[in-house]
Amino acid sequence: SDHHVYKKVEVVGSSRTSIDDAINNALAECSKSIKNVEW
């Protein structure tokens, strides 16, 4: 297609180490079940 349509979901990531790890943990889990994660 010549257009893109997006959907948003809200998740909460956690980590004992850092905020960056919490973000990366959430994105890694989302990417396991959601295709085309872009932002």
All heavy atoms as atom14 arrays in JSON, in Angstrom:
{
  "sequence": "SDHHVYKKVEVVGSSRTSIDDAINNALAECSKSIKNVEW",
  "atom14_mask": [
    [1, 1, 1, 1, 1, 1, 0, 0, 0, 0, 0, 0, 0, 0],
    [1, 1, 1, 1, 1, 1, 1, 1, 0, 0, 0, 0, 0, 0],
    [1, 1, 1, 1, 1, 1, 1, 1, 1, 1, 0, 0, 0, 0],
    [1, 1, 1, 1, 1, 1, 1, 1, 1, 1, 0, 0, 0, 0],
    [1, 1, 1, 1, 1, 1, 1, 0, 0, 0, 0, 0, 0, 0],
    [1, 1, 1, 1, 1, 1, 1, 1, 1, 1, 1, 1, 0, 0],
    [1, 1, 1, 1, 1, 1, 1, 1, 1, 0, 0, 0, 0, 0],
    [1, 1, 1, 1, 1, 1, 1, 1, 1, 0, 0, 0, 0, 0],
    [1, 1, 1, 1, 1, 1, 1, 0, 0, 0, 0, 0, 0, 0],
    [1, 1, 1, 1, 1, 1, 1, 1, 1, 0, 0, 0, 0, 0],
    [1, 1, 1, 1, 1, 1, 1, 0, 0, 0, 0, 0, 0, 0],
    [1, 1, 1, 1, 1, 1, 1, 0, 0, 0, 0, 0, 0, 0],
    [1, 1, 1, 1, 0, 0, 0, 0, 0, 0, 0, 0, 0, 0],
    [1, 1, 1, 1, 1, 1, 0, 0, 0, 0, 0, 0, 0, 0],
    [1, 1, 1, 1, 1, 1, 0, 0, 0, 0, 0, 0, 0, 0],
    [1, 1, 1, 1, 1, 1, 1, 1, 1, 1, 1, 0, 0, 0],
    [1, 1, 1, 1, 1, 1, 1, 0, 0, 0, 0, 0, 0, 0],
    [1, 1, 1, 1, 1, 1, 0, 0, 0, 0, 0, 0, 0, 0],
    [1, 1, 1, 1, 1, 1, 1, 1, 0, 0, 0, 0, 0, 0],
    [1, 1, 1, 1, 1, 1, 1, 1, 0, 0, 0, 0, 0, 0],
    [1, 1, 1, 1, 1, 1, 1, 1, 0, 0, 0, 0, 0, 0],
    [1, 1, 1, 1, 1, 0, 0, 0, 0, 0, 0, 0, 0, 0],
    [1, 1, 1, 1, 1, 1, 1, 1, 0, 0, 0, 0, 0, 0],
    [1, 1, 1, 1, 1, 1, 1, 1, 0, 0, 0, 0, 0, 0],
    [1, 1, 1, 1, 1, 1, 1, 1, 0, 0, 0, 0, 0, 0],
    [1, 1, 1, 1, 1, 0, 0, 0, 0, 0, 0, 0, 0, 0],
    [1, 1, 1, 1, 1, 1, 1, 1, 0, 0, 0, 0, 0, 0],
    [1, 1, 1, 1, 1, 0, 0, 0, 0, 0, 0, 0, 0, 0],
    [1, 1, 1, 1, 1, 1, 1, 1, 1, 0, 0, 0, 0, 0],
    [1, 1, 1, 1, 1, 1, 0, 0, 0, 0, 0, 0, 0, 0],
    [1, 1, 1, 1, 1, 1, 0, 0, 0, 0, 0, 0, 0, 0],
    [1, 1, 1, 1, 1, 1, 1, 1, 1, 0, 0, 0, 0, 0],
    [1, 1, 1, 1, 1, 1, 0, 0, 0, 0, 0, 0, 0, 0],
    [1, 1, 1, 1, 1, 1, 1, 1, 0, 0, 0, 0, 0, 0],
    [1, 1, 1, 1, 1, 1, 1, 1, 1, 0, 0, 0, 0, 0],
    [1, 1, 1, 1, 1, 1, 1, 1, 0, 0, 0, 0, 0, 0],
    [1, 1, 1, 1, 1, 1, 1, 0, 0, 0, 0, 0, 0, 0],
    [1, 1, 1, 1, 1, 1, 1, 1, 1, 0, 0, 0, 0, 0],
    [1, 1, 1, 1, 1, 1, 1, 1, 1, 1, 1, 1, 1, 1]
  ],
  "atom14_positions": [
    [[0.82, -1.2, 0.0], [0.0, 0.0, 0.0], [0.87, 1.27, 0.0], [2.03, 1.25, 0.4], [-0.88, -0.03, 1.25], [-1.57, 1.16, 1.39], [0.0, 0.0, 0.0], [0.0, 0.0, 0.0], [0.0, 0.0, 0.0], [0.0, 0.0, 0.0], [0.0, 0.0, 0.0], [0.0, 0.0, 0.0], [0.0, 0.0, 0.0], [0.0, 0.0, 0.0]],
    [[0.3, 2.39, -0.42], [1.03, 3.65, -0.39], [0.75, 4.45, 0.9], [1.07, 5.61, 0.99], [0.73, 4.49, -1.63], [-0.73, 4.89, -1.74], [-1.55, 4.4, -0.93], [-1.06, 5.69, -2.63], [0.0, 0.0, 0.0], [0.0, 0.0, 0.0], [0.0, 0.0, 0.0], [0.0, 0.0, 0.0], [0.0, 0.0, 0.0], [0.0, 0.0, 0.0]],
    [[0.13, 3.81, 1.87], [-0.11, 4.45, 3.17], [0.17, 3.42, 4.27], [0.23, 2.23, 4.01], [-1.56, 4.96, 3.27], [-2.57, 3.85, 3.32], [-2.99, 3.2, 2.19], [-3.2, 3.27, 4.36], [-3.86, 2.25, 2.54], [-4.0, 2.29, 3.84], [0.0, 0.0, 0.0], [0.0, 0.0, 0.0], [0.0, 0.0, 0.0], [0.0, 0.0, 0.0]],
    [[0.32, 3.91, 5.47], [0.54, 3.03, 6.61], [-0.49, 3.34, 7.68], [-0.83, 4.5, 7.9], [1.93, 3.23, 7.21], [3.03, 2.88, 6.26], [3.3, 1.59, 5.85], [3.94, 3.66, 5.62], [4.33, 1.59, 5.02], [4.73, 2.85, 4.85], [0.0, 0.0, 0.0], [0.0, 0.0, 0.0], [0.0, 0.0, 0.0], [0.0, 0.0, 0.0]],
    [[-0.98, 2.31, 8.33], [-1.9, 2.45, 9.45], [-1.25, 1.76, 10.64], [-0.7, 0.67, 10.52], [-3.27, 1.8, 9.13], [-4.18, 1.87, 10.34], [-3.91, 2.48, 7.93], [0.0, 0.0, 0.0], [0.0, 0.0, 0.0], [0.0, 0.0, 0.0], [0.0, 0.0, 0.0], [0.0, 0.0, 0.0], [0.0, 0.0, 0.0], [0.0, 0.0, 0.0]],
    [[-1.3, 2.42, 11.79], [-0.64, 1.91, 12.98], [-1.65, 1.68, 14.09], [-2.72, 2.29, 14.12], [0.4, 2.91, 13.48], [1.52, 3.14, 12.5], [1.41, 4.12, 11.52], [2.66, 2.36, 12.54], [2.43, 4.32, 10.61], [3.69, 2.56, 11.63], [3.57, 3.53, 10.67], [4.57, 3.73, 9.76], [0.0, 0.0, 0.0], [0.0, 0.0, 0.0]],
    [[-1.28, 0.82, 15.01], [-2.05, 0.59, 16.22], [-1.1, 0.74, 17.39], [0.09, 0.48, 17.27], [-2.67, -0.8, 16.21], [-3.55, -1.07, 17.41], [-4.36, -2.32, 17.26], [-5.25, -2.45, 18.48], [-6.3, -3.43, 18.29], [0.0, 0.0, 0.0], [0.0, 0.0, 0.0], [0.0, 0.0, 0.0], [0.0, 0.0, 0.0], [0.0, 0.0, 0.0]],
    [[-1.62, 1.17, 18.56], [-0.81, 1.31, 19.76], [-1.34, 0.39, 20.84], [-2.54, 0.21, 20.98], [-0.87, 2.73, 20.3], [-0.27, 3.77, 19.4], [-0.14, 5.11, 20.08], [-1.47, 5.79, 20.28], [-1.35, 7.17, 20.8], [0.0, 0.0, 0.0], [0.0, 0.0, 0.0], [0.0, 0.0, 0.0], [0.0, 0.0, 0.0], [0.0, 0.0, 0.0]],
    [[-0.42, -0.18, 21.6], [-0.77, -0.92, 22.81], [0.05, -0.32, 23.95], [1.1, 0.28, 23.72], [-0.49, -2.44, 22.68], [-1.37, -3.07, 21.65], [0.97, -2.71, 22.38], [0.0, 0.0, 0.0], [0.0, 0.0, 0.0], [0.0, 0.0, 0.0], [0.0, 0.0, 0.0], [0.0, 0.0, 0.0], [0.0, 0.0, 0.0], [0.0, 0.0, 0.0]],
    [[-0.44, -0.47, 25.15], [0.29, 0.03, 26.3], [0.79, -1.13, 27.14], [0.04, -2.07, 27.43], [-0.59, 0.95, 27.16], [0.19, 1.67, 28.21], [-0.59, 2.83, 28.84], [-1.77, 3.0, 28.52], [0.01, 3.55, 29.64], [0.0, 0.0, 0.0], [0.0, 0.0, 0.0], [0.0, 0.0, 0.0], [0.0, 0.0, 0.0], [0.0, 0.0, 0.0]],
    [[2.05, -1.09, 27.5], [2.68, -2.14, 28.3], [3.54, -1.48, 29.38], [3.87, -0.31, 29.3], [3.55, -3.08, 27.44], [2.71, -3.8, 26.4], [4.69, -2.35, 26.78], [0.0, 0.0, 0.0], [0.0, 0.0, 0.0], [0.0, 0.0, 0.0], [0.0, 0.0, 0.0], [0.0, 0.0, 0.0], [0.0, 0.0, 0.0], [0.0, 0.0, 0.0]],
    [[3.88, -2.28, 30.39], [4.79, -1.83, 31.44], [5.95, -2.81, 31.52], [5.73, -4.01, 31.7], [4.09, -1.72, 32.8], [5.07, -1.31, 33.89], [2.93, -0.73, 32.74], [0.0, 0.0, 0.0], [0.0, 0.0, 0.0], [0.0, 0.0, 0.0], [0.0, 0.0, 0.0], [0.0, 0.0, 0.0], [0.0, 0.0, 0.0], [0.0, 0.0, 0.0]],
    [[7.16, -2.31, 31.35], [8.35, -3.13, 31.48], [9.0, -2.85, 32.82], [8.85, -1.77, 33.4], [0.0, 0.0, 0.0], [0.0, 0.0, 0.0], [0.0, 0.0, 0.0], [0.0, 0.0, 0.0], [0.0, 0.0, 0.0], [0.0, 0.0, 0.0], [0.0, 0.0, 0.0], [0.0, 0.0, 0.0], [0.0, 0.0, 0.0], [0.0, 0.0, 0.0]],
    [[9.72, -3.85, 33.35], [10.4, -3.65, 34.62], [11.79, -4.26, 34.57], [12.09, -5.12, 33.74], [9.6, -4.24, 35.77], [9.56, -5.64, 35.67], [0.0, 0.0, 0.0], [0.0, 0.0, 0.0], [0.0, 0.0, 0.0], [0.0, 0.0, 0.0], [0.0, 0.0, 0.0], [0.0, 0.0, 0.0], [0.0, 0.0, 0.0], [0.0, 0.0, 0.0]],
    [[12.64, -3.78, 35.46], [14.0, -4.27, 35.57], [14.55, -3.92, 36.94], [14.23, -2.85, 37.48], [14.89, -3.63, 34.5], [16.25, -3.91, 34.74], [0.0, 0.0, 0.0], [0.0, 0.0, 0.0], [0.0, 0.0, 0.0], [0.0, 0.0, 0.0], [0.0, 0.0, 0.0], [0.0, 0.0, 0.0], [0.0, 0.0, 0.0], [0.0, 0.0, 0.0]],
    [[15.39, -4.77, 37.47], [16.08, -4.45, 38.72], [17.3, -3.58, 38.45], [17.84, -2.96, 39.36], [16.53, -5.73, 39.43], [15.4, -6.48, 40.08], [15.95, -7.56, 40.99], [14.9, -8.21, 41.74], [14.42, -7.77, 42.91], [14.92, -6.69, 43.46], [13.46, -8.42, 43.53], [0.0, 0.0, 0.0], [0.0, 0.0, 0.0], [0.0, 0.0, 0.0]],
    [[17.73, -3.5, 37.18], [18.98, -2.85, 36.82], [18.83, -1.37, 36.45], [19.56, -0.53, 36.98], [19.63, -3.59, 35.64], [19.71, -4.98, 35.96], [21.01, -3.06, 35.35], [0.0, 0.0, 0.0], [0.0, 0.0, 0.0], [0.0, 0.0, 0.0], [0.0, 0.0, 0.0], [0.0, 0.0, 0.0], [0.0, 0.0, 0.0], [0.0, 0.0, 0.0]],
    [[17.91, -1.06, 35.49], [17.85, 0.32, 34.99], [16.56, 0.58, 34.22], [15.85, -0.35, 33.84], [19.03, 0.62, 34.06], [18.9, -0.12, 32.87], [0.0, 0.0, 0.0], [0.0, 0.0, 0.0], [0.0, 0.0, 0.0], [0.0, 0.0, 0.0], [0.0, 0.0, 0.0], [0.0, 0.0, 0.0], [0.0, 0.0, 0.0], [0.0, 0.0, 0.0]],
    [[16.33, 1.85, 33.96], [15.19, 2.25, 33.13], [15.38, 1.74, 31.71], [14.44, 1.25, 31.09], [15.02, 3.79, 33.17], [14.54, 4.21, 34.56], [14.07, 4.27, 32.09], [14.54, 5.7, 34.81], [0.0, 0.0, 0.0], [0.0, 0.0, 0.0], [0.0, 0.0, 0.0], [0.0, 0.0, 0.0], [0.0, 0.0, 0.0], [0.0, 0.0, 0.0]],
    [[16.59, 1.84, 31.19], [16.87, 1.34, 29.83], [16.55, -0.15, 29.72], [15.95, -0.6, 28.73], [18.34, 1.57, 29.45], [18.64, 3.01, 29.11], [17.7, 3.79, 28.9], [19.83, 3.35, 29.05], [0.0, 0.0, 0.0], [0.0, 0.0, 0.0], [0.0, 0.0, 0.0], [0.0, 0.0, 0.0], [0.0, 0.0, 0.0], [0.0, 0.0, 0.0]],
    [[16.94, -0.92, 30.71], [16.63, -2.35, 30.69], [15.13, -2.6, 30.75], [14.62, -3.51, 30.11], [17.3, -3.09, 31.85], [18.75, -3.44, 31.58], [19.22, -3.27, 30.44], [19.41, -3.9, 32.53], [0.0, 0.0, 0.0], [0.0, 0.0, 0.0], [0.0, 0.0, 0.0], [0.0, 0.0, 0.0], [0.0, 0.0, 0.0], [0.0, 0.0, 0.0]],
    [[14.42, -1.78, 31.52], [12.96, -1.93, 31.61], [12.32, -1.69, 30.25], [11.42, -2.42, 29.83], [12.4, -0.96, 32.65], [0.0, 0.0, 0.0], [0.0, 0.0, 0.0], [0.0, 0.0, 0.0], [0.0, 0.0, 0.0], [0.0, 0.0, 0.0], [0.0, 0.0, 0.0], [0.0, 0.0, 0.0], [0.0, 0.0, 0.0], [0.0, 0.0, 0.0]],
    [[12.79, -0.68, 29.53], [12.29, -0.39, 28.18], [12.6, -1.55, 27.25], [11.72, -2.05, 26.53], [12.89, 0.92, 27.63], [12.37, 2.13, 28.41], [12.59, 1.07, 26.14], [13.11, 3.41, 28.13], [0.0, 0.0, 0.0], [0.0, 0.0, 0.0], [0.0, 0.0, 0.0], [0.0, 0.0, 0.0], [0.0, 0.0, 0.0], [0.0, 0.0, 0.0]],
    [[13.84, -2.0, 27.26], [14.25, -3.1, 26.38], [13.52, -4.4, 26.7], [13.17, -5.15, 25.78], [15.76, -3.29, 26.43], [16.49, -2.2, 25.68], [16.09, -1.82, 24.59], [17.54, -1.68, 26.25], [0.0, 0.0, 0.0], [0.0, 0.0, 0.0], [0.0, 0.0, 0.0], [0.0, 0.0, 0.0], [0.0, 0.0, 0.0], [0.0, 0.0, 0.0]],
    [[13.26, -4.67, 27.97], [12.5, -5.87, 28.35], [11.08, -5.81, 27.79], [10.57, -6.8, 27.25], [12.45, -6.03, 29.87], [13.79, -6.39, 30.47], [14.69, -6.85, 29.77], [13.94, -6.16, 31.76], [0.0, 0.0, 0.0], [0.0, 0.0, 0.0], [0.0, 0.0, 0.0], [0.0, 0.0, 0.0], [0.0, 0.0, 0.0], [0.0, 0.0, 0.0]],
    [[10.45, -4.65, 27.9], [9.09, -4.5, 27.38], [9.06, -4.67, 25.86], [8.2, -5.38, 25.32], [8.52, -3.13, 27.76], [0.0, 0.0, 0.0], [0.0, 0.0, 0.0], [0.0, 0.0, 0.0], [0.0, 0.0, 0.0], [0.0, 0.0, 0.0], [0.0, 0.0, 0.0], [0.0, 0.0, 0.0], [0.0, 0.0, 0.0], [0.0, 0.0, 0.0]],
    [[10.0, -4.05, 25.16], [10.03, -4.15, 23.7], [10.34, -5.59, 23.24], [9.76, -6.07, 22.26], [11.04, -3.17, 23.12], [10.7, -1.7, 23.29], [11.85, -0.83, 22.82], [9.41, -1.35, 22.56], [0.0, 0.0, 0.0], [0.0, 0.0, 0.0], [0.0, 0.0, 0.0], [0.0, 0.0, 0.0], [0.0, 0.0, 0.0], [0.0, 0.0, 0.0]],
    [[11.23, -6.26, 23.93], [11.57, -7.64, 23.57], [10.36, -8.55, 23.71], [10.08, -9.39, 22.83], [12.72, -8.14, 24.44], [0.0, 0.0, 0.0], [0.0, 0.0, 0.0], [0.0, 0.0, 0.0], [0.0, 0.0, 0.0], [0.0, 0.0, 0.0], [0.0, 0.0, 0.0], [0.0, 0.0, 0.0], [0.0, 0.0, 0.0], [0.0, 0.0, 0.0]],
    [[9.61, -8.39, 24.78], [8.41, -9.23, 24.98], [7.33, -8.9, 23.95], [6.69, -9.8, 23.42], [7.86, -9.07, 26.4], [8.71, -9.72, 27.45], [8.87, -11.22, 27.25], [7.89, -11.92, 26.94], [10.01, -11.7, 27.38], [0.0, 0.0, 0.0], [0.0, 0.0, 0.0], [0.0, 0.0, 0.0], [0.0, 0.0, 0.0], [0.0, 0.0, 0.0]],
    [[7.12, -7.62, 23.67], [6.12, -7.23, 22.66], [6.48, -7.83, 21.3], [5.6, -8.31, 20.58], [6.05, -5.72, 22.53], [5.1, -4.93, 23.81], [0.0, 0.0, 0.0], [0.0, 0.0, 0.0], [0.0, 0.0, 0.0], [0.0, 0.0, 0.0], [0.0, 0.0, 0.0], [0.0, 0.0, 0.0], [0.0, 0.0, 0.0], [0.0, 0.0, 0.0]],
    [[7.75, -7.78, 20.95], [8.18, -8.26, 19.64], [8.0, -9.76, 19.47], [7.98, -10.25, 18.34], [9.65, -7.89, 19.42], [9.76, -6.49, 19.33], [0.0, 0.0, 0.0], [0.0, 0.0, 0.0], [0.0, 0.0, 0.0], [0.0, 0.0, 0.0], [0.0, 0.0, 0.0], [0.0, 0.0, 0.0], [0.0, 0.0, 0.0], [0.0, 0.0, 0.0]],
    [[7.83, -10.48, 20.56], [7.59, -11.93, 20.47], [6.19, -12.24, 19.92], [6.0, -13.26, 19.28], [7.74, -12.6, 21.84], [9.16, -12.66, 22.32], [9.21, -13.31, 23.69], [10.62, -13.34, 24.26], [10.63, -13.94, 25.6], [0.0, 0.0, 0.0], [0.0, 0.0, 0.0], [0.0, 0.0, 0.0], [0.0, 0.0, 0.0], [0.0, 0.0, 0.0]],
    [[5.22, -11.37, 20.2], [3.85, -11.67, 19.8], [3.22, -10.64, 18.87], [2.15, -10.87, 18.33], [2.96, -11.83, 21.04], [2.96, -10.65, 21.8], [0.0, 0.0, 0.0], [0.0, 0.0, 0.0], [0.0, 0.0, 0.0], [0.0, 0.0, 0.0], [0.0, 0.0, 0.0], [0.0, 0.0, 0.0], [0.0, 0.0, 0.0], [0.0, 0.0, 0.0]],
    [[3.89, -9.49, 18.67], [3.36, -8.44, 17.8], [4.33, -8.23, 16.65], [5.51, -8.0, 16.86], [3.18, -7.11, 18.58], [2.19, -7.3, 19.72], [2.72, -6.0, 17.64], [2.08, -6.09, 20.64], [0.0, 0.0, 0.0], [0.0, 0.0, 0.0], [0.0, 0.0, 0.0], [0.0, 0.0, 0.0], [0.0, 0.0, 0.0], [0.0, 0.0, 0.0]],
    [[3.8, -8.29, 15.43], [4.62, -8.05, 14.24], [4.71, -6.56, 13.96], [3.82, -5.79, 14.33], [3.99, -8.72, 13.02], [3.96, -10.22, 13.08], [3.31, -10.76, 11.82], [3.18, -12.26, 11.88], [2.51, -12.79, 10.67], [0.0, 0.0, 0.0], [0.0, 0.0, 0.0], [0.0, 0.0, 0.0], [0.0, 0.0, 0.0], [0.0, 0.0, 0.0]],
    [[5.75, -6.16, 13.26], [5.93, -4.8, 12.74], [6.0, -3.72, 13.81], [5.53, -2.6, 13.6], [4.81, -4.46, 11.74], [4.71, -5.47, 10.62], [5.71, -5.89, 10.07], [3.49, -5.87, 10.28], [0.0, 0.0, 0.0], [0.0, 0.0, 0.0], [0.0, 0.0, 0.0], [0.0, 0.0, 0.0], [0.0, 0.0, 0.0], [0.0, 0.0, 0.0]],
    [[6.6, -4.03, 14.96], [6.79, -3.0, 15.99], [7.76, -1.97, 15.41], [8.84, -2.32, 14.94], [7.34, -3.61, 17.3], [7.73, -2.51, 18.27], [6.32, -4.56, 17.92], [0.0, 0.0, 0.0], [0.0, 0.0, 0.0], [0.0, 0.0, 0.0], [0.0, 0.0, 0.0], [0.0, 0.0, 0.0], [0.0, 0.0, 0.0], [0.0, 0.0, 0.0]],
    [[7.36, -0.69, 15.44], [8.17, 0.34, 14.8], [8.56, 1.51, 15.7], [9.49, 2.23, 15.4], [7.47, 0.86, 13.54], [7.36, -0.21, 12.48], [6.94, 0.34, 11.13], [6.77, 1.56, 10.99], [6.79, -0.48, 10.2], [0.0, 0.0, 0.0], [0.0, 0.0, 0.0], [0.0, 0.0, 0.0], [0.0, 0.0, 0.0], [0.0, 0.0, 0.0]],
    [[7.84, 1.74, 16.8], [8.2, 2.87, 17.65], [7.63, 2.68, 19.05], [6.79, 1.81, 19.28], [7.72, 4.19, 17.04], [6.26, 4.27, 16.74], [5.65, 3.97, 15.57], [5.22, 4.67, 17.63], [4.3, 4.16, 15.67], [4.01, 4.59, 16.93], [5.19, 5.09, 18.95], [2.78, 4.9, 17.53], [3.96, 5.4, 19.52], [2.78, 5.31, 18.8]]
  ]
}
